[in-house]
Amino acid sequence: MTALARDKRRKARTTRSKPRSVRSEASSDDPLPLTKPQIRELQRRLRDADDRTRYLVVSSLARGCTLYYDVSSDNYVMDEPARATLFGRREGAVAIQSTLGAGVTVVRCRVDARDALVPSSLPARCARRPRRGKPRAD
């Protein structure tokens, strides 16, 4: 037998493999139906995404001077609520409030479609008021 004939026989053997089994109907590309807890979780997340209510952690020092808590820097921001941490759920804001101690409150507010704070949604005691009188000329 020549070398050429042997190579042809080897190639023929390697190409003769068992046919792959056909996938059954149960393992098709269609996803499995969701369970009731999974459906409830998805509905809760959709409600949270549609809800524009947010919560701020606020500390009022004096009239007209309000501090807003920023979790990422662990600092308060003075009179700039847009730079504070906006919590999507009240429970998270209350948990942070409990770690900060007395004199800190949780305030409800709203955000617009771009998730920016709406200043008019803040309560009057937290909203920044313009100064009265003439501006000083330096």
N, C-alpha and C. Protein backbone atom coordinates (compact mmCIF):
# COMPACT_ATOMS: atom_id res chain seq x y z
N MET A 1 0.85 -1.16 0.00
CA MET A 1 0.00 0.00 0.00
C MET A 1 0.89 1.22 0.00
N THR A 2 0.56 2.13 -0.81
CA THR A 2 1.39 3.31 -0.95
C THR A 2 1.04 4.33 0.14
N ALA A 3 1.91 5.28 0.32
CA ALA A 3 1.70 6.32 1.34
C ALA A 3 0.48 7.18 1.01
N LEU A 4 0.25 7.39 -0.26
CA LEU A 4 -0.91 8.19 -0.68
C LEU A 4 -2.22 7.50 -0.33
N ALA A 5 -2.28 6.21 -0.53
CA ALA A 5 -3.49 5.44 -0.21
C ALA A 5 -3.72 5.43 1.30
N ARG A 6 -2.62 5.30 2.09
CA ARG A 6 -2.76 5.32 3.55
C ARG A 6 -3.31 6.65 4.04
N ASP A 7 -2.83 7.77 3.48
CA ASP A 7 -3.31 9.10 3.87
C ASP A 7 -4.79 9.26 3.57
N LYS A 8 -5.23 8.73 2.45
CA LYS A 8 -6.65 8.81 2.09
C LYS A 8 -7.50 8.02 3.08
N ARG A 9 -7.02 6.85 3.51
CA ARG A 9 -7.77 6.05 4.46
C ARG A 9 -7.86 6.75 5.81
N ARG A 10 -6.78 7.38 6.24
CA ARG A 10 -6.79 8.09 7.53
C ARG A 10 -7.76 9.26 7.49
N LYS A 11 -7.74 10.00 6.40
CA LYS A 11 -8.67 11.12 6.26
C LYS A 11 -10.11 10.64 6.26
N ALA A 12 -10.34 9.52 5.63
CA ALA A 12 -11.70 8.97 5.58
C ALA A 12 -12.16 8.58 6.97
N ARG A 13 -11.27 8.04 7.78
CA ARG A 13 -11.65 7.65 9.14
C ARG A 13 -11.97 8.87 10.00
N THR A 14 -11.17 9.92 9.87
CA THR A 14 -11.40 11.10 10.71
C THR A 14 -12.68 11.82 10.34
N THR A 15 -13.10 11.71 9.11
CA THR A 15 -14.33 12.39 8.72
C THR A 15 -15.56 11.59 9.10
N ARG A 16 -15.38 10.30 9.37
CA ARG A 16 -16.53 9.49 9.76
C ARG A 16 -16.69 9.53 11.27
N SER A 17 -17.35 10.49 11.77
CA SER A 17 -17.59 10.57 13.20
C SER A 17 -19.07 10.34 13.47
N LYS A 18 -19.38 10.16 14.69
CA LYS A 18 -20.77 9.92 15.04
C LYS A 18 -21.58 11.19 14.75
N PRO A 19 -22.77 11.03 14.23
CA PRO A 19 -23.59 12.22 14.00
C PRO A 19 -24.01 12.82 15.34
N ARG A 20 -24.01 14.12 15.39
CA ARG A 20 -24.40 14.79 16.63
C ARG A 20 -25.89 14.62 16.85
N SER A 21 -26.25 14.52 18.11
CA SER A 21 -27.65 14.33 18.44
C SER A 21 -28.41 15.63 18.19
N VAL A 22 -29.62 15.49 17.77
CA VAL A 22 -30.47 16.65 17.51
C VAL A 22 -31.00 17.15 18.84
N ARG A 23 -31.02 18.48 19.01
CA ARG A 23 -31.51 19.06 20.27
C ARG A 23 -32.97 18.73 20.46
N SER A 24 -33.31 18.51 21.69
CA SER A 24 -34.71 18.22 21.99
C SER A 24 -35.50 19.53 22.04
N GLU A 25 -36.79 19.41 22.05
CA GLU A 25 -37.67 20.59 22.07
C GLU A 25 -37.53 21.38 23.37
N ALA A 26 -37.23 20.72 24.49
CA ALA A 26 -37.14 21.38 25.79
C ALA A 26 -35.94 22.31 25.88
N SER A 27 -34.86 22.01 25.17
CA SER A 27 -33.67 22.85 25.26
C SER A 27 -33.54 23.78 24.06
N SER A 28 -34.62 24.28 23.56
CA SER A 28 -34.57 25.20 22.43
C SER A 28 -34.08 26.57 22.90
N ASP A 29 -33.98 27.50 22.00
CA ASP A 29 -33.47 28.83 22.32
C ASP A 29 -34.47 29.69 23.10
N ASP A 30 -35.69 29.24 23.23
CA ASP A 30 -36.70 29.99 23.98
C ASP A 30 -36.35 29.95 25.46
N PRO A 31 -36.44 31.09 26.15
CA PRO A 31 -36.14 31.10 27.59
C PRO A 31 -37.26 30.40 28.37
N LEU A 32 -36.89 29.94 29.54
CA LEU A 32 -37.87 29.30 30.40
C LEU A 32 -38.84 30.36 30.95
N PRO A 33 -40.06 29.99 31.24
CA PRO A 33 -40.99 30.97 31.81
C PRO A 33 -40.52 31.41 33.19
N LEU A 34 -40.82 32.67 33.54
CA LEU A 34 -40.39 33.24 34.82
C LEU A 34 -41.25 32.70 35.95
N THR A 35 -40.64 32.58 37.11
CA THR A 35 -41.38 32.16 38.29
C THR A 35 -42.08 33.37 38.88
N LYS A 36 -43.02 33.12 39.80
CA LYS A 36 -43.76 34.22 40.42
C LYS A 36 -42.85 35.18 41.20
N PRO A 37 -41.88 34.70 41.97
CA PRO A 37 -40.98 35.65 42.64
C PRO A 37 -40.15 36.49 41.66
N GLN A 38 -39.75 35.90 40.55
CA GLN A 38 -39.00 36.66 39.55
C GLN A 38 -39.87 37.73 38.92
N ILE A 39 -41.13 37.44 38.65
CA ILE A 39 -42.06 38.42 38.09
C ILE A 39 -42.29 39.55 39.08
N ARG A 40 -42.47 39.22 40.36
CA ARG A 40 -42.66 40.26 41.39
C ARG A 40 -41.44 41.17 41.48
N GLU A 41 -40.24 40.59 41.42
CA GLU A 41 -39.00 41.38 41.48
C GLU A 41 -38.88 42.30 40.28
N LEU A 42 -39.21 41.82 39.09
CA LEU A 42 -39.18 42.67 37.90
C LEU A 42 -40.18 43.82 38.00
N GLN A 43 -41.38 43.51 38.48
CA GLN A 43 -42.38 44.56 38.63
C GLN A 43 -41.94 45.61 39.65
N ARG A 44 -41.31 45.17 40.75
CA ARG A 44 -40.82 46.11 41.76
C ARG A 44 -39.75 47.01 41.17
N ARG A 45 -38.84 46.43 40.39
CA ARG A 45 -37.78 47.24 39.78
C ARG A 45 -38.32 48.23 38.76
N LEU A 46 -39.35 47.83 38.03
CA LEU A 46 -39.98 48.76 37.08
C LEU A 46 -40.66 49.91 37.81
N ARG A 47 -41.33 49.61 38.92
CA ARG A 47 -41.95 50.68 39.71
C ARG A 47 -40.89 51.64 40.24
N ASP A 48 -39.77 51.10 40.72
CA ASP A 48 -38.68 51.94 41.23
C ASP A 48 -38.10 52.81 40.12
N ALA A 49 -37.99 52.28 38.92
CA ALA A 49 -37.43 53.05 37.81
C ALA A 49 -38.38 54.18 37.38
N ASP A 50 -39.68 53.93 37.47
CA ASP A 50 -40.65 54.95 37.07
C ASP A 50 -40.89 55.99 38.15
N ASP A 51 -40.58 55.67 39.40
CA ASP A 51 -40.82 56.58 40.51
C ASP A 51 -39.74 57.65 40.55
N ARG A 52 -40.13 58.90 40.55
CA ARG A 52 -39.18 60.02 40.54
C ARG A 52 -38.94 60.58 41.95
N THR A 53 -39.45 59.91 42.96
CA THR A 53 -39.25 60.35 44.34
C THR A 53 -37.87 59.92 44.81
N ARG A 54 -37.16 60.84 45.44
CA ARG A 54 -35.85 60.55 46.01
C ARG A 54 -35.82 61.10 47.44
N TYR A 55 -34.78 60.75 48.16
CA TYR A 55 -34.65 61.18 49.56
C TYR A 55 -33.25 61.73 49.78
N LEU A 56 -33.19 62.80 50.56
CA LEU A 56 -31.93 63.45 50.93
C LEU A 56 -31.75 63.35 52.43
N VAL A 57 -30.51 63.24 52.87
CA VAL A 57 -30.18 63.31 54.30
C VAL A 57 -29.74 64.74 54.57
N VAL A 58 -30.49 65.41 55.48
CA VAL A 58 -30.32 66.86 55.68
C VAL A 58 -30.06 67.16 57.15
N SER A 59 -29.20 68.14 57.39
CA SER A 59 -28.95 68.66 58.72
C SER A 59 -29.04 70.18 58.65
N SER A 60 -29.91 70.75 59.46
CA SER A 60 -30.07 72.21 59.47
C SER A 60 -29.31 72.79 60.65
N LEU A 61 -28.34 73.64 60.36
CA LEU A 61 -27.57 74.29 61.42
C LEU A 61 -28.33 75.49 61.98
N ALA A 62 -28.71 76.37 61.11
CA ALA A 62 -29.43 77.58 61.50
C ALA A 62 -30.39 77.91 60.36
N ARG A 63 -31.21 78.88 60.59
CA ARG A 63 -32.15 79.28 59.56
C ARG A 63 -31.40 79.77 58.32
N GLY A 64 -31.70 79.16 57.20
CA GLY A 64 -31.04 79.55 55.96
C GLY A 64 -29.72 78.84 55.70
N CYS A 65 -29.28 78.00 56.62
CA CYS A 65 -28.03 77.26 56.44
C CYS A 65 -28.34 75.77 56.58
N THR A 66 -28.35 75.09 55.47
CA THR A 66 -28.70 73.68 55.45
C THR A 66 -27.53 72.87 54.91
N LEU A 67 -27.28 71.74 55.53
CA LEU A 67 -26.23 70.84 55.09
C LEU A 67 -26.86 69.58 54.51
N TYR A 68 -26.36 69.16 53.35
CA TYR A 68 -26.84 67.96 52.67
C TYR A 68 -25.71 66.95 52.65
N TYR A 69 -26.03 65.70 52.97
CA TYR A 69 -24.99 64.68 53.12
C TYR A 69 -24.64 64.02 51.79
N ASP A 70 -23.34 63.88 51.52
CA ASP A 70 -22.83 63.19 50.34
C ASP A 70 -22.13 61.93 50.82
N VAL A 71 -22.69 60.77 50.51
CA VAL A 71 -22.16 59.50 51.00
C VAL A 71 -20.80 59.19 50.41
N SER A 72 -20.59 59.47 49.13
CA SER A 72 -19.34 59.09 48.47
C SER A 72 -18.12 59.76 49.08
N SER A 73 -18.26 60.99 49.54
CA SER A 73 -17.13 61.68 50.15
C SER A 73 -17.21 61.72 51.68
N ASP A 74 -18.32 61.21 52.23
CA ASP A 74 -18.55 61.20 53.68
C ASP A 74 -18.46 62.61 54.27
N ASN A 75 -19.02 63.58 53.52
CA ASN A 75 -19.01 64.98 53.94
C ASN A 75 -20.38 65.59 53.71
N TYR A 76 -20.58 66.73 54.33
CA TYR A 76 -21.79 67.51 54.09
C TYR A 76 -21.50 68.58 53.05
N VAL A 77 -22.50 68.89 52.25
CA VAL A 77 -22.41 69.94 51.25
C VAL A 77 -23.33 71.05 51.71
N MET A 78 -22.82 72.28 51.75
CA MET A 78 -23.61 73.39 52.30
C MET A 78 -24.41 74.08 51.20
N ASP A 79 -25.73 74.11 51.38
CA ASP A 79 -26.67 74.82 50.52
C ASP A 79 -26.61 74.43 49.05
N GLU A 80 -26.17 73.23 48.75
CA GLU A 80 -26.16 72.73 47.36
C GLU A 80 -26.75 71.32 47.34
N PRO A 81 -28.07 71.20 47.35
CA PRO A 81 -28.68 69.87 47.40
C PRO A 81 -28.39 69.03 46.16
N ALA A 82 -28.08 69.64 45.03
CA ALA A 82 -27.80 68.88 43.81
C ALA A 82 -26.52 68.07 43.93
N ARG A 83 -25.61 68.45 44.82
CA ARG A 83 -24.35 67.73 45.00
C ARG A 83 -24.42 66.66 46.07
N ALA A 84 -25.56 66.53 46.73
CA ALA A 84 -25.72 65.52 47.78
C ALA A 84 -26.15 64.19 47.17
N THR A 85 -26.13 63.16 47.98
CA THR A 85 -26.54 61.82 47.53
C THR A 85 -28.05 61.75 47.53
N LEU A 86 -28.61 61.34 46.40
CA LEU A 86 -30.06 61.13 46.29
C LEU A 86 -30.33 59.64 46.45
N PHE A 87 -31.12 59.30 47.45
CA PHE A 87 -31.45 57.90 47.71
C PHE A 87 -32.76 57.57 47.00
N GLY A 88 -32.79 56.42 46.34
CA GLY A 88 -33.99 55.99 45.64
C GLY A 88 -35.02 55.40 46.58
N ARG A 89 -34.58 54.93 47.73
CA ARG A 89 -35.49 54.33 48.71
C ARG A 89 -35.29 54.98 50.06
N ARG A 90 -36.40 55.15 50.75
CA ARG A 90 -36.35 55.79 52.07
C ARG A 90 -35.55 54.94 53.06
N GLU A 91 -35.64 53.62 52.95
CA GLU A 91 -34.95 52.74 53.90
C GLU A 91 -33.43 52.98 53.89
N GLY A 92 -32.88 53.21 52.71
CA GLY A 92 -31.44 53.49 52.61
C GLY A 92 -31.06 54.80 53.27
N ALA A 93 -31.90 55.82 53.06
CA ALA A 93 -31.63 57.12 53.66
C ALA A 93 -31.76 57.06 55.18
N VAL A 94 -32.74 56.31 55.68
CA VAL A 94 -32.92 56.18 57.13
C VAL A 94 -31.75 55.42 57.75
N ALA A 95 -31.22 54.43 57.04
CA ALA A 95 -30.06 53.69 57.55
C ALA A 95 -28.85 54.60 57.69
N ILE A 96 -28.62 55.46 56.72
CA ILE A 96 -27.51 56.43 56.80
C ILE A 96 -27.79 57.44 57.90
N GLN A 97 -29.03 57.89 58.02
CA GLN A 97 -29.41 58.86 59.05
C GLN A 97 -29.10 58.30 60.44
N SER A 98 -29.38 57.03 60.65
CA SER A 98 -29.15 56.43 61.97
C SER A 98 -27.66 56.37 62.31
N THR A 99 -26.80 56.27 61.31
CA THR A 99 -25.36 56.23 61.60
C THR A 99 -24.79 57.63 61.86
N LEU A 100 -25.48 58.67 61.37
CA LEU A 100 -24.96 60.03 61.51
C LEU A 100 -25.31 60.67 62.85
N GLY A 101 -26.33 60.20 63.52
CA GLY A 101 -26.66 60.72 64.83
C GLY A 101 -27.82 61.69 64.83
N ALA A 102 -27.95 62.41 65.95
CA ALA A 102 -29.09 63.32 66.16
C ALA A 102 -28.95 64.58 65.30
N GLY A 103 -30.07 65.21 65.03
CA GLY A 103 -30.08 66.45 64.27
C GLY A 103 -30.11 66.26 62.76
N VAL A 104 -30.18 65.03 62.32
CA VAL A 104 -30.20 64.73 60.89
C VAL A 104 -31.59 64.20 60.54
N THR A 105 -32.15 64.71 59.45
CA THR A 105 -33.47 64.27 59.01
C THR A 105 -33.41 63.77 57.57
N VAL A 106 -34.44 63.03 57.19
CA VAL A 106 -34.57 62.56 55.81
C VAL A 106 -35.67 63.38 55.16
N VAL A 107 -35.36 63.96 53.99
CA VAL A 107 -36.29 64.85 53.30
C VAL A 107 -36.66 64.23 51.95
N ARG A 108 -37.93 64.29 51.65
CA ARG A 108 -38.42 63.76 50.38
C ARG A 108 -38.32 64.84 49.30
N CYS A 109 -37.89 64.46 48.09
CA CYS A 109 -37.80 65.41 46.98
C CYS A 109 -38.10 64.67 45.68
N ARG A 110 -37.95 65.35 44.56
CA ARG A 110 -38.22 64.77 43.24
C ARG A 110 -37.06 65.04 42.30
N VAL A 111 -36.97 64.21 41.26
CA VAL A 111 -36.00 64.44 40.20
C VAL A 111 -36.74 64.53 38.87
N ASP A 112 -36.10 65.17 37.88
CA ASP A 112 -36.72 65.29 36.56
C ASP A 112 -36.36 64.07 35.71
N ALA A 113 -36.68 64.12 34.44
CA ALA A 113 -36.46 62.98 33.54
C ALA A 113 -34.98 62.62 33.39
N ARG A 114 -34.08 63.58 33.64
CA ARG A 114 -32.64 63.33 33.53
C ARG A 114 -32.00 63.04 34.88
N ASP A 115 -32.81 62.72 35.86
CA ASP A 115 -32.37 62.44 37.24
C ASP A 115 -31.67 63.61 37.91
N ALA A 116 -32.04 64.81 37.53
CA ALA A 116 -31.51 66.00 38.20
C ALA A 116 -32.54 66.46 39.24
N LEU A 117 -32.05 66.92 40.37
CA LEU A 117 -32.93 67.36 41.45
C LEU A 117 -33.76 68.55 41.04
N VAL A 118 -35.05 68.52 41.37
CA VAL A 118 -35.94 69.65 41.13
C VAL A 118 -35.95 70.48 42.41
N PRO A 119 -35.34 71.69 42.39
CA PRO A 119 -35.22 72.48 43.62
C PRO A 119 -36.57 72.85 44.24
N SER A 120 -37.58 73.04 43.42
CA SER A 120 -38.88 73.42 43.97
C SER A 120 -39.54 72.27 44.72
N SER A 121 -39.03 71.05 44.60
CA SER A 121 -39.62 69.92 45.31
C SER A 121 -39.14 69.82 46.75
N LEU A 122 -38.10 70.57 47.10
CA LEU A 122 -37.60 70.56 48.48
C LEU A 122 -38.56 71.31 49.39
N PRO A 123 -38.69 70.87 50.63
CA PRO A 123 -39.52 71.61 51.58
C PRO A 123 -38.98 73.02 51.81
N ALA A 124 -39.84 73.92 52.22
CA ALA A 124 -39.44 75.33 52.39
C ALA A 124 -38.31 75.49 53.40
N ARG A 125 -38.26 74.66 54.42
CA ARG A 125 -37.20 74.80 55.43
C ARG A 125 -35.84 74.40 54.88
N CYS A 126 -35.81 73.63 53.77
CA CYS A 126 -34.55 73.19 53.20
C CYS A 126 -34.15 73.98 51.96
N ALA A 127 -35.11 74.65 51.35
CA ALA A 127 -34.81 75.37 50.11
C ALA A 127 -33.95 76.58 50.40
N ARG A 128 -33.07 76.88 49.49
CA ARG A 128 -32.19 78.02 49.66
C ARG A 128 -32.96 79.30 49.36
N ARG A 129 -32.88 80.23 50.27
CA ARG A 129 -33.60 81.49 50.11
C ARG A 129 -32.61 82.58 49.72
N PRO A 130 -33.00 83.46 48.83
CA PRO A 130 -32.09 84.57 48.49
C PRO A 130 -31.95 85.52 49.68
N ARG A 131 -30.79 86.16 49.76
CA ARG A 131 -30.56 87.12 50.84
C ARG A 131 -31.39 88.36 50.64
N ARG A 132 -31.78 88.92 51.76
CA ARG A 132 -32.55 90.17 51.69
C ARG A 132 -31.60 91.35 51.73
N GLY A 133 -32.06 92.44 51.20
CA GLY A 133 -31.25 93.65 51.23
C GLY A 133 -30.42 93.81 49.98
N LYS A 134 -29.62 94.85 50.00
CA LYS A 134 -28.79 95.15 48.83
C LYS A 134 -27.57 94.23 48.80
N PRO A 135 -27.17 93.88 47.58
CA PRO A 135 -25.92 93.12 47.50
C PRO A 135 -24.74 94.04 47.81
N ARG A 136 -23.74 93.47 48.43
CA ARG A 136 -22.56 94.29 48.79
C ARG A 136 -21.71 94.53 47.56
N ALA A 137 -21.22 95.74 47.46
CA ALA A 137 -20.30 96.09 46.35
C ALA A 137 -18.89 96.07 46.92
N ASP A 138 -18.03 95.28 46.34
CA ASP A 138 -16.64 95.20 46.83
C ASP A 138 -15.73 96.07 46.02
